[in-house]
Amino acid sequence: MQISLEELRKVARAYRAQQTGTTPLEPVPAPFVACDEADKQLAREIAQLLNQTPDIRQERVQEVSTEPLPAKVIAASIMRRVIADKISR
């Protein structure tokens, strides 16, 4: 279905007309503005924390990097999981 440009303009006008008459139900507080120095300090602290965090957790890599499991062990594990799922339903 295609909509003409004129139809889009009509919808936009109707939408704008609805939006202009709306008043908030309660007063809206002024936005909080932090001083630039506090923002810069926070950015520095976050950057330092990110620089200290390793990209790779070596201990997790070592756990996974052991000898590969035989196919029979993997298949048995899958079958146990399927049976457990069926029993728990």
N, C-alpha and C. Protein backbone atom coordinates (compact mmCIF):
# COMPACT_ATOMS: atom_id res chain seq x y z
N MET A 1 0.84 -1.18 0.00
CA MET A 1 0.00 0.00 0.00
C MET A 1 0.88 1.23 0.00
N GLN A 2 0.59 2.16 -0.88
CA GLN A 2 1.36 3.38 -0.96
C GLN A 2 0.52 4.55 -0.46
N ILE A 3 1.18 5.49 0.19
CA ILE A 3 0.52 6.69 0.70
C ILE A 3 1.11 7.87 -0.03
N SER A 4 0.24 8.74 -0.50
CA SER A 4 0.72 9.89 -1.25
C SER A 4 1.36 10.91 -0.30
N LEU A 5 2.15 11.79 -0.88
CA LEU A 5 2.80 12.84 -0.11
C LEU A 5 1.77 13.75 0.54
N GLU A 6 0.69 13.99 -0.14
CA GLU A 6 -0.37 14.85 0.41
C GLU A 6 -1.00 14.20 1.64
N GLU A 7 -1.21 12.88 1.59
CA GLU A 7 -1.77 12.18 2.75
C GLU A 7 -0.81 12.25 3.94
N LEU A 8 0.48 12.13 3.68
CA LEU A 8 1.47 12.26 4.74
C LEU A 8 1.42 13.65 5.37
N ARG A 9 1.27 14.66 4.54
CA ARG A 9 1.19 16.04 5.06
C ARG A 9 -0.04 16.21 5.93
N LYS A 10 -1.17 15.62 5.54
CA LYS A 10 -2.40 15.72 6.33
C LYS A 10 -2.21 15.07 7.70
N VAL A 11 -1.57 13.90 7.70
CA VAL A 11 -1.33 13.20 8.96
C VAL A 11 -0.40 14.01 9.85
N ALA A 12 0.65 14.58 9.26
CA ALA A 12 1.58 15.39 10.03
C ALA A 12 0.89 16.61 10.63
N ARG A 13 0.03 17.28 9.85
CA ARG A 13 -0.70 18.44 10.37
C ARG A 13 -1.61 18.04 11.52
N ALA A 14 -2.32 16.93 11.37
CA ALA A 14 -3.23 16.47 12.42
C ALA A 14 -2.45 16.11 13.69
N TYR A 15 -1.30 15.48 13.51
CA TYR A 15 -0.47 15.11 14.66
C TYR A 15 0.03 16.35 15.38
N ARG A 16 0.52 17.32 14.62
CA ARG A 16 1.01 18.57 15.25
C ARG A 16 -0.10 19.30 15.97
N ALA A 17 -1.30 19.30 15.41
CA ALA A 17 -2.43 19.97 16.05
C ALA A 17 -2.76 19.33 17.39
N GLN A 18 -2.64 18.02 17.48
CA GLN A 18 -2.89 17.33 18.74
C GLN A 18 -1.82 17.63 19.77
N GLN A 19 -0.58 17.77 19.32
CA GLN A 19 0.54 17.95 20.23
C GLN A 19 0.60 19.34 20.83
N THR A 20 0.18 20.36 20.12
CA THR A 20 0.34 21.72 20.62
C THR A 20 -0.58 22.03 21.79
N GLY A 21 -1.72 21.37 21.90
CA GLY A 21 -2.67 21.67 22.96
C GLY A 21 -2.42 20.92 24.25
N THR A 22 -1.44 20.08 24.31
CA THR A 22 -1.19 19.25 25.49
C THR A 22 -0.41 20.03 26.55
N THR A 23 -0.91 20.01 27.77
CA THR A 23 -0.21 20.65 28.87
C THR A 23 0.18 19.58 29.88
N PRO A 24 1.32 19.71 30.52
CA PRO A 24 1.72 18.70 31.51
C PRO A 24 0.78 18.69 32.71
N LEU A 25 0.58 17.52 33.29
CA LEU A 25 -0.30 17.39 34.44
C LEU A 25 0.32 17.94 35.71
N GLU A 26 1.62 17.95 35.79
CA GLU A 26 2.31 18.50 36.95
C GLU A 26 3.55 19.25 36.46
N PRO A 27 4.10 20.12 37.26
CA PRO A 27 5.24 20.90 36.80
C PRO A 27 6.45 20.02 36.49
N VAL A 28 7.12 20.35 35.44
CA VAL A 28 8.30 19.60 35.03
C VAL A 28 9.52 20.26 35.65
N PRO A 29 10.33 19.50 36.41
CA PRO A 29 11.50 20.11 37.04
C PRO A 29 12.56 20.47 35.99
N ALA A 30 13.35 21.44 36.35
CA ALA A 30 14.44 21.85 35.45
C ALA A 30 15.44 20.70 35.36
N PRO A 31 16.04 20.48 34.20
CA PRO A 31 16.99 19.37 34.07
C PRO A 31 18.24 19.61 34.91
N PHE A 32 18.79 18.52 35.43
CA PHE A 32 20.01 18.60 36.22
C PHE A 32 21.19 18.74 35.27
N VAL A 33 22.02 19.71 35.53
CA VAL A 33 23.20 19.92 34.71
C VAL A 33 24.42 19.85 35.62
N ALA A 34 25.24 18.84 35.41
CA ALA A 34 26.46 18.68 36.20
C ALA A 34 27.52 19.61 35.64
N CYS A 35 28.39 20.06 36.50
CA CYS A 35 29.45 20.93 36.03
C CYS A 35 30.39 20.14 35.13
N ASP A 36 31.02 20.80 34.21
CA ASP A 36 31.90 20.14 33.26
C ASP A 36 33.05 19.41 33.94
N GLU A 37 33.58 19.96 35.01
CA GLU A 37 34.71 19.32 35.68
C GLU A 37 34.31 17.98 36.27
N ALA A 38 33.12 17.91 36.85
CA ALA A 38 32.64 16.63 37.41
C ALA A 38 32.46 15.60 36.30
N ASP A 39 31.95 16.01 35.14
CA ASP A 39 31.79 15.10 34.01
C ASP A 39 33.14 14.60 33.53
N LYS A 40 34.10 15.49 33.44
CA LYS A 40 35.43 15.10 32.98
C LYS A 40 36.09 14.12 33.95
N GLN A 41 35.93 14.37 35.24
CA GLN A 41 36.52 13.49 36.26
C GLN A 41 35.88 12.10 36.18
N LEU A 42 34.56 12.06 36.04
CA LEU A 42 33.87 10.78 35.93
C LEU A 42 34.33 10.03 34.67
N ALA A 43 34.47 10.74 33.57
CA ALA A 43 34.94 10.12 32.33
C ALA A 43 36.35 9.56 32.50
N ARG A 44 37.20 10.28 33.21
CA ARG A 44 38.56 9.78 33.46
C ARG A 44 38.54 8.50 34.29
N GLU A 45 37.70 8.49 35.33
CA GLU A 45 37.62 7.31 36.20
C GLU A 45 37.11 6.10 35.42
N ILE A 46 36.11 6.30 34.59
CA ILE A 46 35.57 5.21 33.79
C ILE A 46 36.61 4.71 32.80
N ALA A 47 37.32 5.62 32.15
CA ALA A 47 38.36 5.23 31.20
C ALA A 47 39.46 4.43 31.89
N GLN A 48 39.84 4.83 33.10
CA GLN A 48 40.86 4.10 33.86
C GLN A 48 40.39 2.69 34.18
N LEU A 49 39.14 2.59 34.63
CA LEU A 49 38.58 1.29 34.96
C LEU A 49 38.54 0.38 33.74
N LEU A 50 38.15 0.93 32.61
CA LEU A 50 38.09 0.13 31.39
C LEU A 50 39.48 -0.29 30.92
N ASN A 51 40.46 0.57 31.10
CA ASN A 51 41.83 0.21 30.71
C ASN A 51 42.39 -0.90 31.58
N GLN A 52 41.97 -0.97 32.84
CA GLN A 52 42.46 -1.99 33.76
C GLN A 52 41.76 -3.33 33.56
N THR A 53 40.60 -3.33 32.92
CA THR A 53 39.84 -4.55 32.72
C THR A 53 40.41 -5.32 31.53
N PRO A 54 40.79 -6.57 31.72
CA PRO A 54 41.35 -7.32 30.60
C PRO A 54 40.28 -7.63 29.55
N ASP A 55 40.70 -7.68 28.29
CA ASP A 55 39.78 -8.01 27.21
C ASP A 55 39.38 -9.49 27.27
N ILE A 56 40.31 -10.33 27.73
CA ILE A 56 40.08 -11.77 27.78
C ILE A 56 40.37 -12.25 29.19
N ARG A 57 39.46 -13.03 29.72
CA ARG A 57 39.69 -13.64 31.03
C ARG A 57 40.44 -14.94 30.81
N GLN A 58 41.74 -14.91 31.05
CA GLN A 58 42.61 -16.04 30.75
C GLN A 58 42.18 -17.31 31.48
N GLU A 59 41.70 -17.18 32.73
CA GLU A 59 41.32 -18.38 33.48
C GLU A 59 40.16 -19.10 32.80
N ARG A 60 39.23 -18.35 32.19
CA ARG A 60 38.11 -18.98 31.47
C ARG A 60 38.59 -19.63 30.18
N VAL A 61 39.54 -18.98 29.52
CA VAL A 61 40.10 -19.55 28.29
C VAL A 61 40.80 -20.86 28.60
N GLN A 62 41.55 -20.92 29.71
CA GLN A 62 42.26 -22.13 30.08
C GLN A 62 41.29 -23.28 30.38
N GLU A 63 40.15 -22.95 31.01
CA GLU A 63 39.16 -23.98 31.30
C GLU A 63 38.64 -24.62 30.01
N VAL A 64 38.42 -23.82 29.01
CA VAL A 64 37.84 -24.29 27.75
C VAL A 64 38.90 -24.92 26.86
N SER A 65 40.14 -24.53 27.01
CA SER A 65 41.21 -24.97 26.12
C SER A 65 41.75 -26.36 26.45
N THR A 66 41.05 -27.15 27.23
CA THR A 66 41.55 -28.48 27.55
C THR A 66 41.32 -29.41 26.37
N GLU A 67 41.60 -30.68 26.56
CA GLU A 67 41.45 -31.65 25.48
C GLU A 67 40.00 -31.71 25.00
N PRO A 68 39.79 -31.90 23.71
CA PRO A 68 38.41 -31.99 23.22
C PRO A 68 37.74 -33.27 23.73
N LEU A 69 36.44 -33.17 23.94
CA LEU A 69 35.68 -34.33 24.43
C LEU A 69 35.39 -35.27 23.27
N PRO A 70 35.36 -36.58 23.56
CA PRO A 70 34.98 -37.53 22.51
C PRO A 70 33.51 -37.34 22.11
N ALA A 71 33.20 -37.68 20.88
CA ALA A 71 31.84 -37.50 20.36
C ALA A 71 30.82 -38.29 21.17
N LYS A 72 31.20 -39.46 21.67
CA LYS A 72 30.27 -40.27 22.46
C LYS A 72 29.87 -39.55 23.75
N VAL A 73 30.80 -38.89 24.37
CA VAL A 73 30.52 -38.16 25.61
C VAL A 73 29.57 -37.01 25.33
N ILE A 74 29.80 -36.29 24.24
CA ILE A 74 28.94 -35.17 23.86
C ILE A 74 27.54 -35.68 23.55
N ALA A 75 27.44 -36.76 22.78
CA ALA A 75 26.13 -37.32 22.41
C ALA A 75 25.38 -37.78 23.66
N ALA A 76 26.05 -38.44 24.58
CA ALA A 76 25.41 -38.90 25.81
C ALA A 76 24.92 -37.72 26.63
N SER A 77 25.70 -36.68 26.67
CA SER A 77 25.31 -35.48 27.40
C SER A 77 24.06 -34.85 26.80
N ILE A 78 24.00 -34.79 25.48
CA ILE A 78 22.82 -34.24 24.80
C ILE A 78 21.60 -35.08 25.10
N MET A 79 21.74 -36.40 25.04
CA MET A 79 20.61 -37.28 25.30
C MET A 79 20.12 -37.17 26.74
N ARG A 80 21.05 -37.07 27.69
CA ARG A 80 20.64 -36.87 29.09
C ARG A 80 19.84 -35.59 29.24
N ARG A 81 20.27 -34.53 28.57
CA ARG A 81 19.57 -33.25 28.66
C ARG A 81 18.16 -33.35 28.07
N VAL A 82 18.03 -34.04 26.92
CA VAL A 82 16.72 -34.21 26.28
C VAL A 82 15.80 -35.01 27.20
N ILE A 83 16.30 -36.09 27.77
CA ILE A 83 15.48 -36.91 28.67
C ILE A 83 15.09 -36.12 29.91
N ALA A 84 16.03 -35.38 30.47
CA ALA A 84 15.72 -34.57 31.66
C ALA A 84 14.66 -33.52 31.34
N ASP A 85 14.75 -32.91 30.17
CA ASP A 85 13.75 -31.90 29.79
C ASP A 85 12.37 -32.54 29.65
N LYS A 86 12.30 -33.73 29.05
CA LYS A 86 11.00 -34.40 28.88
C LYS A 86 10.41 -34.83 30.22
N ILE A 87 11.27 -35.29 31.13
CA ILE A 87 10.78 -35.72 32.44
C ILE A 87 10.26 -34.52 33.23
N SER A 88 10.93 -33.39 33.14
CA SER A 88 10.56 -32.23 33.95
C SER A 88 9.29 -31.54 33.47
N ARG A 89 8.80 -31.89 32.30
CA ARG A 89 7.56 -31.24 31.79
C ARG A 89 6.35 -31.79 32.40
